[in-house]
Amino acid sequence: MRLLVLTSLALVLVACGGGGTKLDTSFQPAQYWLGYQLWNIATQRGDLHLARSNGTEDRLIDRPELLDAEWPTFSPDGKKLAYYKPTSPASAGLFVLDLDANTTTEILQMEWNQGASFGPIDWFRDGSKLLYIGVSGKLFSISADGTNNLRLTPDTLGVFDRYASWSPDGTKVVTKRVDGGPRGDLVTMNSDGTNQVTIAESFGSPYSFSDPDWVTNSMIVCVREGDPDGGITLMNSDGGGAVRFKITEQTTWPSQPKCSPDGKMIAFGVIFSESGPTYIGVIEVSTGKVFWWPRDGNRNNISWVDQP
């Protein structure tokens, strides 16, 4: 079913021909929920929220465990949160908060220096594993109970991963790979780190590829950084068949496209001015329509949730 939906999207994107899309109020993406962070000017931190995918029924997840947490990310069933948090001036932990049981488990302890950054977290579809990027910039997979910690990034100086996600069937991983320079390639691999293949290379290209996610087991959505038209691109998992979706409601800079569990919608962050806040848009895959959330704050770190 996801493959048929994707074919429909490809036709829509080609038909757009760079003409873009505008707000269509007949498209109300309410059947799923999105977790996201909203920047709180008063407290100078990102507050975690959960809302329907059309921006309604917005809830603040006000948990003391999340104070100073980084990259809090909902599990697909909405029952758990994974996040990083400093535990001392020299260490930080990867935590899992069970919202139903009201328990917090530190599944991994890492060396950490103040100011060092982590990377996004991605949950395996059944909630059994996580992809995370430690302060070293290396990508790992780990079981949700803290076992089977496996490095997926080569142990090579100057090679780092920035974003990563599991394929829907869990057999593959895609990541943004930075190798000795500021720009990013797209790399796919088996879930155990074998068979690493660069499918989109920034060298010799005007673009850097970023924020990849899987639409189907054979199709990837990503952002082309440096694209003056603010494009979101879909491509086959071997890098072929790329189609760009130009969003022209204004000059835009999209980020972090994330596909819904059924493959029918893609949520993304978008900046409408170079120094402006990040809003959320949701693309309906079968039609190419875009629903814009209200522009009343800086939202990022998007994750889809089946149910709250």
C-alpha atoms as a PDB file:
ATOM      1  CA  MET A   1       0.000   0.000   0.000  1.00  0.00           C
ATOM      2  CA  ARG A   2       2.838   2.406   0.882  1.00  0.00           C
ATOM      3  CA  LEU A   3       4.413   1.795  -2.526  1.00  0.00           C
ATOM      4  CA  LEU A   4       1.182   2.664  -4.343  1.00  0.00           C
ATOM      5  CA  VAL A   5       0.844   5.850  -2.309  1.00  0.00           C
ATOM      6  CA  LEU A   6       4.425   6.800  -3.141  1.00  0.00           C
ATOM      7  CA  THR A   7       3.791   6.341  -6.852  1.00  0.00           C
ATOM      8  CA  SER A   8       0.879   8.760  -6.555  1.00  0.00           C
ATOM      9  CA  LEU A   9       3.149  11.272  -4.808  1.00  0.00           C
ATOM     10  CA  ALA A  10       5.777  11.030  -7.510  1.00  0.00           C
ATOM     11  CA  LEU A  11       3.141  11.913 -10.109  1.00  0.00           C
ATOM     12  CA  VAL A  12       1.994  14.866  -8.010  1.00  0.00           C
ATOM     13  CA  LEU A  13       5.522  16.169  -7.568  1.00  0.00           C
ATOM     14  CA  VAL A  14       6.307  15.914 -11.253  1.00  0.00           C
ATOM     15  CA  ALA A  15       3.032  17.667 -12.011  1.00  0.00           C
ATOM     16  CA  CYS A  16       4.007  20.510  -9.658  1.00  0.00           C
ATOM     17  CA  GLY A  17       7.000  21.135 -11.908  1.00  0.00           C
ATOM     18  CA  GLY A  18       8.484  23.529  -9.349  1.00  0.00           C
ATOM     19  CA  GLY A  19       5.245  25.475  -9.132  1.00  0.00           C
ATOM     20  CA  GLY A  20       4.840  24.576  -5.477  1.00  0.00           C
ATOM     21  CA  THR A  21       1.805  24.247  -3.278  1.00  0.00           C
ATOM     22  CA  LYS A  22      -0.280  26.493  -1.066  1.00  0.00           C
ATOM     23  CA  LEU A  23      -2.458  26.099   2.002  1.00  0.00           C
ATOM     24  CA  ASP A  24      -5.489  23.922   1.319  1.00  0.00           C
ATOM     25  CA  THR A  25      -7.912  24.062   4.222  1.00  0.00           C
ATOM     26  CA  SER A  26      -9.725  20.955   2.955  1.00  0.00           C
ATOM     27  CA  PHE A  27      -6.685  18.937   4.056  1.00  0.00           C
ATOM     28  CA  GLN A  28      -6.905  18.386   7.814  1.00  0.00           C
ATOM     29  CA  PRO A  29      -4.225  15.887   8.915  1.00  0.00           C
ATOM     30  CA  ALA A  30      -5.728  15.002  12.305  1.00  0.00           C
ATOM     31  CA  GLN A  31      -5.575  11.203  12.481  1.00  0.00           C
ATOM     32  CA  TYR A  32      -2.052  11.020  13.923  1.00  0.00           C
ATOM     33  CA  TRP A  33      -0.125  12.948  16.554  1.00  0.00           C
ATOM     34  CA  LEU A  34       3.199  14.771  16.392  1.00  0.00           C
ATOM     35  CA  GLY A  35       5.687  15.243  19.160  1.00  0.00           C
ATOM     36  CA  TYR A  36       7.781  18.403  18.880  1.00  0.00           C
ATOM     37  CA  GLN A  37       9.755  20.930  20.881  1.00  0.00           C
ATOM     38  CA  LEU A  38       8.590  24.536  21.195  1.00  0.00           C
ATOM     39  CA  TRP A  39      11.174  27.136  22.166  1.00  0.00           C
ATOM     40  CA  ASN A  40      10.131  28.885  25.383  1.00  0.00           C
ATOM     41  CA  ILE A  41      11.492  32.438  25.373  1.00  0.00           C
ATOM     42  CA  ALA A  42      10.843  32.928  29.093  1.00  0.00           C
ATOM     43  CA  THR A  43      12.771  29.855  30.226  1.00  0.00           C
ATOM     44  CA  GLN A  44      15.197  29.744  27.271  1.00  0.00           C
ATOM     45  CA  ARG A  45      14.616  26.044  26.649  1.00  0.00           C
ATOM     46  CA  GLY A  46      12.645  23.770  24.379  1.00  0.00           C
ATOM     47  CA  ASP A  47       9.384  22.538  25.934  1.00  0.00           C
ATOM     48  CA  LEU A  48       8.098  19.171  24.709  1.00  0.00           C
ATOM     49  CA  HIS A  49       4.596  19.116  23.217  1.00  0.00           C
ATOM     50  CA  LEU A  50       2.254  16.555  21.710  1.00  0.00           C
ATOM     51  CA  ALA A  51      -0.472  17.632  19.289  1.00  0.00           C
ATOM     52  CA  ARG A  52      -2.652  16.203  16.560  1.00  0.00           C
ATOM     53  CA  SER A  53      -0.924  16.385  13.215  1.00  0.00           C
ATOM     54  CA  ASN A  54      -3.078  19.376  12.222  1.00  0.00           C
ATOM     55  CA  GLY A  55      -1.861  21.306  15.283  1.00  0.00           C
ATOM     56  CA  THR A  56      -5.014  20.911  17.427  1.00  0.00           C
ATOM     57  CA  GLU A  57      -5.347  19.447  20.962  1.00  0.00           C
ATOM     58  CA  ASP A  58      -1.861  20.659  21.786  1.00  0.00           C
ATOM     59  CA  ARG A  59      -0.512  19.317  25.094  1.00  0.00           C
ATOM     60  CA  LEU A  60       2.546  20.382  27.072  1.00  0.00           C
ATOM     61  CA  ILE A  61       4.436  17.333  28.382  1.00  0.00           C
ATOM     62  CA  ASP A  62       5.523  18.947  31.636  1.00  0.00           C
ATOM     63  CA  ARG A  63       7.734  16.367  33.306  1.00  0.00           C
ATOM     64  CA  PRO A  64      10.552  17.319  35.702  1.00  0.00           C
ATOM     65  CA  GLU A  65      12.720  14.571  34.168  1.00  0.00           C
ATOM     66  CA  LEU A  66      12.809  16.564  30.927  1.00  0.00           C
ATOM     67  CA  LEU A  67      14.387  19.674  32.433  1.00  0.00           C
ATOM     68  CA  ASP A  68      17.619  20.272  30.461  1.00  0.00           C
ATOM     69  CA  ALA A  69      16.894  17.209  28.314  1.00  0.00           C
ATOM     70  CA  GLU A  70      18.126  17.232  24.713  1.00  0.00           C
ATOM     71  CA  TRP A  71      16.388  15.695  21.680  1.00  0.00           C
ATOM     72  CA  PRO A  72      13.417  14.170  23.600  1.00  0.00           C
ATOM     73  CA  THR A  73      11.742  11.832  21.116  1.00  0.00           C
ATOM     74  CA  PHE A  74       8.498   9.870  21.448  1.00  0.00           C
ATOM     75  CA  SER A  75       8.370   6.155  20.762  1.00  0.00           C
ATOM     76  CA  PRO A  76       5.949   5.274  17.915  1.00  0.00           C
ATOM     77  CA  ASP A  77       3.222   4.237  20.377  1.00  0.00           C
ATOM     78  CA  GLY A  78       3.589   7.458  22.364  1.00  0.00           C
ATOM     79  CA  LYS A  79       4.220   5.623  25.626  1.00  0.00           C
ATOM     80  CA  LYS A  80       7.952   6.311  26.038  1.00  0.00           C
ATOM     81  CA  LEU A  81      10.448   9.110  25.548  1.00  0.00           C
ATOM     82  CA  ALA A  82      14.142   8.801  24.789  1.00  0.00           C
ATOM     83  CA  TYR A  83      16.442  11.766  25.470  1.00  0.00           C
ATOM     84  CA  TYR A  84      19.944  12.821  26.475  1.00  0.00           C
ATOM     85  CA  LYS A  85      20.712  14.652  29.687  1.00  0.00           C
ATOM     86  CA  PRO A  86      23.941  15.787  31.378  1.00  0.00           C
ATOM     87  CA  THR A  87      24.501  13.967  34.674  1.00  0.00           C
ATOM     88  CA  SER A  88      27.744  15.713  35.727  1.00  0.00           C
ATOM     89  CA  PRO A  89      30.207  18.232  34.257  1.00  0.00           C
ATOM     90  CA  ALA A  90      31.969  15.291  32.589  1.00  0.00           C
ATOM     91  CA  SER A  91      29.195  12.816  31.798  1.00  0.00           C
ATOM     92  CA  ALA A  92      25.762  12.504  30.222  1.00  0.00           C
ATOM     93  CA  GLY A  93      23.209   9.746  29.925  1.00  0.00           C
ATOM     94  CA  LEU A  94      20.812   8.380  27.328  1.00  0.00           C
ATOM     95  CA  PHE A  95      17.502   7.914  29.148  1.00  0.00           C
ATOM     96  CA  VAL A  96      14.166   6.237  28.481  1.00  0.00           C
ATOM     97  CA  LEU A  97      11.118   7.605  30.301  1.00  0.00           C
ATOM     98  CA  ASP A  98       8.121   5.271  30.497  1.00  0.00           C
ATOM     99  CA  LEU A  99       5.130   7.613  30.666  1.00  0.00           C
ATOM    100  CA  ASP A 100       2.659   4.908  31.783  1.00  0.00           C
ATOM    101  CA  ALA A 101       4.837   3.317  34.456  1.00  0.00           C
ATOM    102  CA  ASN A 102       6.303   6.706  35.469  1.00  0.00           C
ATOM    103  CA  THR A 103       9.808   5.261  35.516  1.00  0.00           C
ATOM    104  CA  THR A 104      13.052   6.621  34.112  1.00  0.00           C
ATOM    105  CA  THR A 105      15.943   4.370  33.100  1.00  0.00           C
ATOM    106  CA  GLU A 106      19.435   5.501  32.191  1.00  0.00           C
ATOM    107  CA  ILE A 107      20.347   3.006  29.484  1.00  0.00           C
ATOM    108  CA  LEU A 108      23.762   4.438  28.635  1.00  0.00           C
ATOM    109  CA  GLN A 109      26.414   6.608  30.290  1.00  0.00           C
ATOM    110  CA  MET A 110      28.731   8.705  28.083  1.00  0.00           C
ATOM    111  CA  GLU A 111      31.656  11.044  28.568  1.00  0.00           C
ATOM    112  CA  TRP A 112      30.515  14.606  27.948  1.00  0.00           C
ATOM    113  CA  ASN A 113      32.020  18.076  27.995  1.00  0.00           C
ATOM    114  CA  GLN A 114      29.865  21.135  28.511  1.00  0.00           C
ATOM    115  CA  GLY A 115      28.922  22.564  25.136  1.00  0.00           C
ATOM    116  CA  ALA A 116      29.285  19.264  23.285  1.00  0.00           C
ATOM    117  CA  SER A 117      26.250  18.360  21.197  1.00  0.00           C
ATOM    118  CA  PHE A 118      24.300  15.180  20.658  1.00  0.00           C
ATOM    119  CA  GLY A 119      22.272  14.167  17.610  1.00  0.00           C
ATOM    120  CA  PRO A 120      18.657  13.182  16.908  1.00  0.00           C
ATOM    121  CA  ILE A 121      17.212   9.918  18.222  1.00  0.00           C
ATOM    122  CA  ASP A 122      15.134   7.520  16.109  1.00  0.00           C
ATOM    123  CA  TRP A 123      13.013   4.679  17.501  1.00  0.00           C
ATOM    124  CA  PHE A 124      12.704   1.265  15.884  1.00  0.00           C
ATOM    125  CA  ARG A 125       9.106   0.720  14.752  1.00  0.00           C
ATOM    126  CA  ASP A 126       8.265  -1.702  17.587  1.00  0.00           C
ATOM    127  CA  GLY A 127      10.064   0.388  20.221  1.00  0.00           C
ATOM    128  CA  SER A 128      12.714  -2.250  20.893  1.00  0.00           C
ATOM    129  CA  LYS A 129      15.761  -0.295  19.657  1.00  0.00           C
ATOM    130  CA  LEU A 130      17.103   3.215  19.167  1.00  0.00           C
ATOM    131  CA  LEU A 131      19.444   4.993  16.819  1.00  0.00           C
ATOM    132  CA  TYR A 132      21.425   7.706  18.578  1.00  0.00           C
ATOM    133  CA  ILE A 133      24.392   9.968  17.824  1.00  0.00           C
ATOM    134  CA  GLY A 134      26.750  10.444  20.724  1.00  0.00           C
ATOM    135  CA  VAL A 135      28.976  13.406  21.513  1.00  0.00           C
ATOM    136  CA  SER A 136      31.676  11.836  19.321  1.00  0.00           C
ATOM    137  CA  GLY A 137      29.448  12.316  16.280  1.00  0.00           C
ATOM    138  CA  LYS A 138      29.298   8.560  15.751  1.00  0.00           C
ATOM    139  CA  LEU A 139      26.032   6.743  15.051  1.00  0.00           C
ATOM    140  CA  PHE A 140      25.012   3.802  17.242  1.00  0.00           C
ATOM    141  CA  SER A 141      22.104   1.422  17.547  1.00  0.00           C
ATOM    142  CA  ILE A 142      21.146   0.208  21.008  1.00  0.00           C
ATOM    143  CA  SER A 143      18.373  -1.904  22.496  1.00  0.00           C
ATOM    144  CA  ALA A 144      15.862   0.085  24.546  1.00  0.00           C
ATOM    145  CA  ASP A 145      17.044  -1.766  27.684  1.00  0.00           C
ATOM    146  CA  GLY A 146      20.640  -0.581  27.149  1.00  0.00           C
ATOM    147  CA  THR A 147      22.073  -3.811  25.738  1.00  0.00           C
ATOM    148  CA  ASN A 148      23.583  -4.461  22.295  1.00  0.00           C
ATOM    149  CA  ASN A 149      25.215  -1.063  21.849  1.00  0.00           C
ATOM    150  CA  LEU A 150      26.638  -1.149  18.307  1.00  0.00           C
ATOM    151  CA  ARG A 151      28.636   1.558  16.534  1.00  0.00           C
ATOM    152  CA  LEU A 152      27.540   2.027  12.906  1.00  0.00           C
ATOM    153  CA  THR A 153      29.811   4.932  11.887  1.00  0.00           C
ATOM    154  CA  PRO A 154      33.302   3.842  10.789  1.00  0.00           C
ATOM    155  CA  ASP A 155      35.966   4.468  13.429  1.00  0.00           C
ATOM    156  CA  THR A 156      37.736   6.892  11.098  1.00  0.00           C
ATOM    157  CA  LEU A 157      39.031  10.332  12.029  1.00  0.00           C
ATOM    158  CA  GLY A 158      36.876  13.085  10.557  1.00  0.00           C
ATOM    159  CA  VAL A 159      33.912  10.838   9.699  1.00  0.00           C
ATOM    160  CA  PHE A 160      30.675  11.753  11.496  1.00  0.00           C
ATOM    161  CA  ASP A 161      26.949  11.115  11.176  1.00  0.00           C
ATOM    162  CA  ARG A 162      24.365  13.809  11.806  1.00  0.00           C
ATOM    163  CA  TYR A 163      20.878  12.322  11.245  1.00  0.00           C
ATOM    164  CA  ALA A 164      19.716   8.729  10.890  1.00  0.00           C
ATOM    165  CA  SER A 165      16.526   6.664  10.700  1.00  0.00           C
ATOM    166  CA  TRP A 166      15.365   3.068  10.434  1.00  0.00           C
ATOM    167  CA  SER A 167      13.567   1.774   7.347  1.00  0.00           C
ATOM    168  CA  PRO A 168       9.944   0.729   8.029  1.00  0.00           C
ATOM    169  CA  ASP A 169      10.895  -2.973   8.103  1.00  0.00           C
ATOM    170  CA  GLY A 170      13.943  -2.272  10.283  1.00  0.00           C
ATOM    171  CA  THR A 171      16.454  -3.935   7.969  1.00  0.00           C
ATOM    172  CA  LYS A 172      18.136  -0.720   6.772  1.00  0.00           C
ATOM    173  CA  VAL A 173      19.423   2.590   8.120  1.00  0.00           C
ATOM    174  CA  VAL A 174      19.958   5.874   6.267  1.00  0.00           C
ATOM    175  CA  THR A 175      22.156   8.656   7.622  1.00  0.00           C
ATOM    176  CA  LYS A 176      23.697  11.994   6.729  1.00  0.00           C
ATOM    177  CA  ARG A 177      27.461  11.350   6.610  1.00  0.00           C
ATOM    178  CA  VAL A 178      30.066  14.116   6.941  1.00  0.00           C
ATOM    179  CA  ASP A 179      33.523  12.993   5.839  1.00  0.00           C
ATOM    180  CA  GLY A 180      36.292  15.541   6.321  1.00  0.00           C
ATOM    181  CA  GLY A 181      34.243  18.592   5.314  1.00  0.00           C
ATOM    182  CA  PRO A 182      31.156  20.638   6.195  1.00  0.00           C
ATOM    183  CA  ARG A 183      28.838  19.088   3.615  1.00  0.00           C
ATOM    184  CA  GLY A 184      26.780  15.916   3.887  1.00  0.00           C
ATOM    185  CA  ASP A 185      26.259  12.786   1.800  1.00  0.00           C
ATOM    186  CA  LEU A 186      23.478  10.222   2.205  1.00  0.00           C
ATOM    187  CA  VAL A 187      24.593   6.740   3.221  1.00  0.00           C
ATOM    188  CA  THR A 188      22.496   3.608   3.574  1.00  0.00           C
ATOM    189  CA  MET A 189      23.528   0.407   5.356  1.00  0.00           C
ATOM    190  CA  ASN A 190      22.156  -2.779   6.814  1.00  0.00           C
ATOM    191  CA  SER A 191      20.870  -2.450  10.378  1.00  0.00           C
ATOM    192  CA  ASP A 192      24.065  -4.085  11.692  1.00  0.00           C
ATOM    193  CA  GLY A 193      26.245  -1.524   9.887  1.00  0.00           C
ATOM    194  CA  THR A 194      27.330  -3.742   7.018  1.00  0.00           C
ATOM    195  CA  ASN A 195      27.042  -2.890   3.314  1.00  0.00           C
ATOM    196  CA  GLN A 196      27.463   0.885   3.673  1.00  0.00           C
ATOM    197  CA  VAL A 197      26.705   2.647   0.383  1.00  0.00           C
ATOM    198  CA  THR A 198      26.812   6.373  -0.482  1.00  0.00           C
ATOM    199  CA  ILE A 199      23.643   7.008  -2.485  1.00  0.00           C
ATOM    200  CA  ALA A 200      23.813  10.839  -2.796  1.00  0.00           C
ATOM    201  CA  GLU A 201      27.164  12.627  -2.793  1.00  0.00           C
ATOM    202  CA  SER A 202      27.613  16.336  -2.063  1.00  0.00           C
ATOM    203  CA  PHE A 203      31.080  16.527  -3.661  1.00  0.00           C
ATOM    204  CA  GLY A 204      30.644  18.147  -7.057  1.00  0.00           C
ATOM    205  CA  SER A 205      27.048  19.031  -6.230  1.00  0.00           C
ATOM    206  CA  PRO A 206      25.718  22.475  -5.242  1.00  0.00           C
ATOM    207  CA  TYR A 207      23.776  20.810  -2.412  1.00  0.00           C
ATOM    208  CA  SER A 208      24.418  19.077   0.872  1.00  0.00           C
ATOM    209  CA  PHE A 209      21.958  16.306   1.699  1.00  0.00           C
ATOM    210  CA  SER A 210      20.451  16.208   5.174  1.00  0.00           C
ATOM    211  CA  ASP A 211      17.696  14.968   7.496  1.00  0.00           C
ATOM    212  CA  PRO A 212      16.899  11.701   5.664  1.00  0.00           C
ATOM    213  CA  ASP A 213      13.896   9.543   6.554  1.00  0.00           C
ATOM    214  CA  TRP A 214      12.282   6.534   4.897  1.00  0.00           C
ATOM    215  CA  VAL A 215       8.921   6.832   3.138  1.00  0.00           C
ATOM    216  CA  THR A 216       8.865   3.148   2.170  1.00  0.00           C
ATOM    217  CA  ASN A 217      11.477   0.402   2.374  1.00  0.00           C
ATOM    218  CA  SER A 218      12.710   1.537  -1.038  1.00  0.00           C
ATOM    219  CA  MET A 219      12.176   5.327  -0.936  1.00  0.00           C
ATOM    220  CA  ILE A 220      13.853   8.110   1.073  1.00  0.00           C
ATOM    221  CA  VAL A 221      12.870  11.732   1.721  1.00  0.00           C
ATOM    222  CA  CYS A 222      15.531  14.325   2.524  1.00  0.00           C
ATOM    223  CA  VAL A 223      16.374  18.029   2.441  1.00  0.00           C
ATOM    224  CA  ARG A 224      18.812  19.511  -0.051  1.00  0.00           C
ATOM    225  CA  GLU A 225      20.639  22.119   1.999  1.00  0.00           C
ATOM    226  CA  GLY A 226      21.734  25.079  -0.101  1.00  0.00           C
ATOM    227  CA  ASP A 227      18.761  24.745  -2.451  1.00  0.00           C
ATOM    228  CA  PRO A 228      17.603  28.363  -2.987  1.00  0.00           C
ATOM    229  CA  ASP A 229      14.079  27.122  -3.741  1.00  0.00           C
ATOM    230  CA  GLY A 230      13.736  25.301  -0.430  1.00  0.00           C
ATOM    231  CA  GLY A 231      13.244  21.850  -1.860  1.00  0.00           C
ATOM    232  CA  ILE A 232      12.323  18.551  -0.244  1.00  0.00           C
ATOM    233  CA  THR A 233      13.568  15.622  -2.328  1.00  0.00           C
ATOM    234  CA  LEU A 234      12.382  12.040  -2.651  1.00  0.00           C
ATOM    235  CA  MET A 235      14.689   9.409  -4.111  1.00  0.00           C
ATOM    236  CA  ASN A 236      14.971   5.661  -4.427  1.00  0.00           C
ATOM    237  CA  SER A 237      17.086   3.991  -1.753  1.00  0.00           C
ATOM    238  CA  ASP A 238      19.841   3.545  -4.350  1.00  0.00           C
ATOM    239  CA  GLY A 239      19.881   7.300  -5.018  1.00  0.00           C
ATOM    240  CA  GLY A 240      18.082   7.140  -8.347  1.00  0.00           C
ATOM    241  CA  GLY A 241      14.767   8.611  -9.448  1.00  0.00           C
ATOM    242  CA  ALA A 242      15.129  11.810  -7.430  1.00  0.00           C
ATOM    243  CA  VAL A 243      12.133  14.167  -7.538  1.00  0.00           C
ATOM    244  CA  ARG A 244      12.164  17.563  -5.841  1.00  0.00           C
ATOM    245  CA  PHE A 245       9.093  18.997  -4.133  1.00  0.00           C
ATOM    246  CA  LYS A 246       9.397  22.784  -4.279  1.00  0.00           C
ATOM    247  CA  ILE A 247       7.426  24.518  -1.528  1.00  0.00           C
ATOM    248  CA  THR A 248       6.765  28.091  -2.600  1.00  0.00           C
ATOM    249  CA  GLU A 249       4.230  29.521  -0.178  1.00  0.00           C
ATOM    250  CA  GLN A 250       7.132  31.873   0.469  1.00  0.00           C
ATOM    251  CA  THR A 251      10.877  31.444   0.132  1.00  0.00           C
ATOM    252  CA  THR A 252      11.411  28.604   2.553  1.00  0.00           C
ATOM    253  CA  TRP A 253      14.102  26.527   4.197  1.00  0.00           C
ATOM    254  CA  PRO A 254      12.611  23.134   5.134  1.00  0.00           C
ATOM    255  CA  SER A 255      14.166  20.777   7.657  1.00  0.00           C
ATOM    256  CA  GLN A 256      13.705  17.353   9.260  1.00  0.00           C
ATOM    257  CA  PRO A 257      11.041  15.770   7.009  1.00  0.00           C
ATOM    258  CA  LYS A 258       9.518  12.821   8.861  1.00  0.00           C
ATOM    259  CA  CYS A 259       7.109  10.328   7.282  1.00  0.00           C
ATOM    260  CA  SER A 260       3.964   9.127   9.062  1.00  0.00           C
ATOM    261  CA  PRO A 261       3.741   5.433   9.977  1.00  0.00           C
ATOM    262  CA  ASP A 262       1.347   4.681   7.102  1.00  0.00           C
ATOM    263  CA  GLY A 263       3.408   6.616   4.542  1.00  0.00           C
ATOM    264  CA  LYS A 264       0.543   8.996   3.765  1.00  0.00           C
ATOM    265  CA  MET A 265       1.964  12.225   5.217  1.00  0.00           C
ATOM    266  CA  ILE A 266       5.327  13.944   5.626  1.00  0.00           C
ATOM    267  CA  ALA A 267       5.764  16.499   8.409  1.00  0.00           C
ATOM    268  CA  PHE A 268       8.627  18.970   8.210  1.00  0.00           C
ATOM    269  CA  GLY A 269       9.971  22.087   9.862  1.00  0.00           C
ATOM    270  CA  VAL A 270      10.148  25.203   7.720  1.00  0.00           C
ATOM    271  CA  ILE A 271      11.700  28.650   8.110  1.00  0.00           C
ATOM    272  CA  PHE A 272      10.052  31.460   6.144  1.00  0.00           C
ATOM    273  CA  SER A 273      12.843  33.967   6.632  1.00  0.00           C
ATOM    274  CA  GLU A 274      16.542  33.398   7.068  1.00  0.00           C
ATOM    275  CA  SER A 275      16.527  34.464  10.722  1.00  0.00           C
ATOM    276  CA  GLY A 276      12.941  33.494  11.545  1.00  0.00           C
ATOM    277  CA  PRO A 277      11.449  30.757  13.732  1.00  0.00           C
ATOM    278  CA  THR A 278      10.719  27.236  12.535  1.00  0.00           C
ATOM    279  CA  TYR A 279       7.110  26.249  11.847  1.00  0.00           C
ATOM    280  CA  ILE A 280       5.576  22.897  10.882  1.00  0.00           C
ATOM    281  CA  GLY A 281       4.072  21.875   7.565  1.00  0.00           C
ATOM    282  CA  VAL A 282       2.426  18.552   6.684  1.00  0.00           C
ATOM    283  CA  ILE A 283       2.316  17.207   3.115  1.00  0.00           C
ATOM    284  CA  GLU A 284      -0.517  14.892   2.097  1.00  0.00           C
ATOM    285  CA  VAL A 285       1.324  12.287   0.057  1.00  0.00           C
ATOM    286  CA  SER A 286      -1.473  11.294  -2.324  1.00  0.00           C
ATOM    287  CA  THR A 287      -2.276  14.870  -3.418  1.00  0.00           C
ATOM    288  CA  GLY A 288       0.778  17.001  -2.627  1.00  0.00           C
ATOM    289  CA  LYS A 289      -1.326  19.435  -0.586  1.00  0.00           C
ATOM    290  CA  VAL A 290       0.445  21.167   2.283  1.00  0.00           C
ATOM    291  CA  PHE A 291      -1.169  22.086   5.598  1.00  0.00           C
ATOM    292  CA  TRP A 292       0.658  24.810   7.528  1.00  0.00           C
ATOM    293  CA  TRP A 293       0.482  24.919  11.295  1.00  0.00           C
ATOM    294  CA  PRO A 294      -0.205  28.310  12.936  1.00  0.00           C
ATOM    295  CA  ARG A 295       2.966  30.397  12.875  1.00  0.00           C
ATOM    296  CA  ASP A 296       3.176  31.259  16.533  1.00  0.00           C
ATOM    297  CA  GLY A 297       6.480  29.803  17.702  1.00  0.00           C
ATOM    298  CA  ASN A 298       9.741  28.017  16.966  1.00  0.00           C
ATOM    299  CA  ARG A 299       8.994  24.279  16.624  1.00  0.00           C
ATOM    300  CA  ASN A 300      11.440  21.490  15.797  1.00  0.00           C
ATOM    301  CA  ASN A 301      12.506  17.910  16.669  1.00  0.00           C
ATOM    302  CA  ILE A 302       9.433  16.318  15.062  1.00  0.00           C
ATOM    303  CA  SER A 303       8.352  12.730  15.686  1.00  0.00           C
ATOM    304  CA  TRP A 304       5.177  10.864  14.677  1.00  0.00           C
ATOM    305  CA  VAL A 305       3.038   9.069  17.263  1.00  0.00           C
ATOM    306  CA  ASP A 306       0.343   6.503  16.514  1.00  0.00           C
ATOM    307  CA  GLN A 307      -1.642   7.452  19.598  1.00  0.00           C
ATOM    308  CA  PRO A 308      -1.033   9.550  22.727  1.00  0.00           C
END
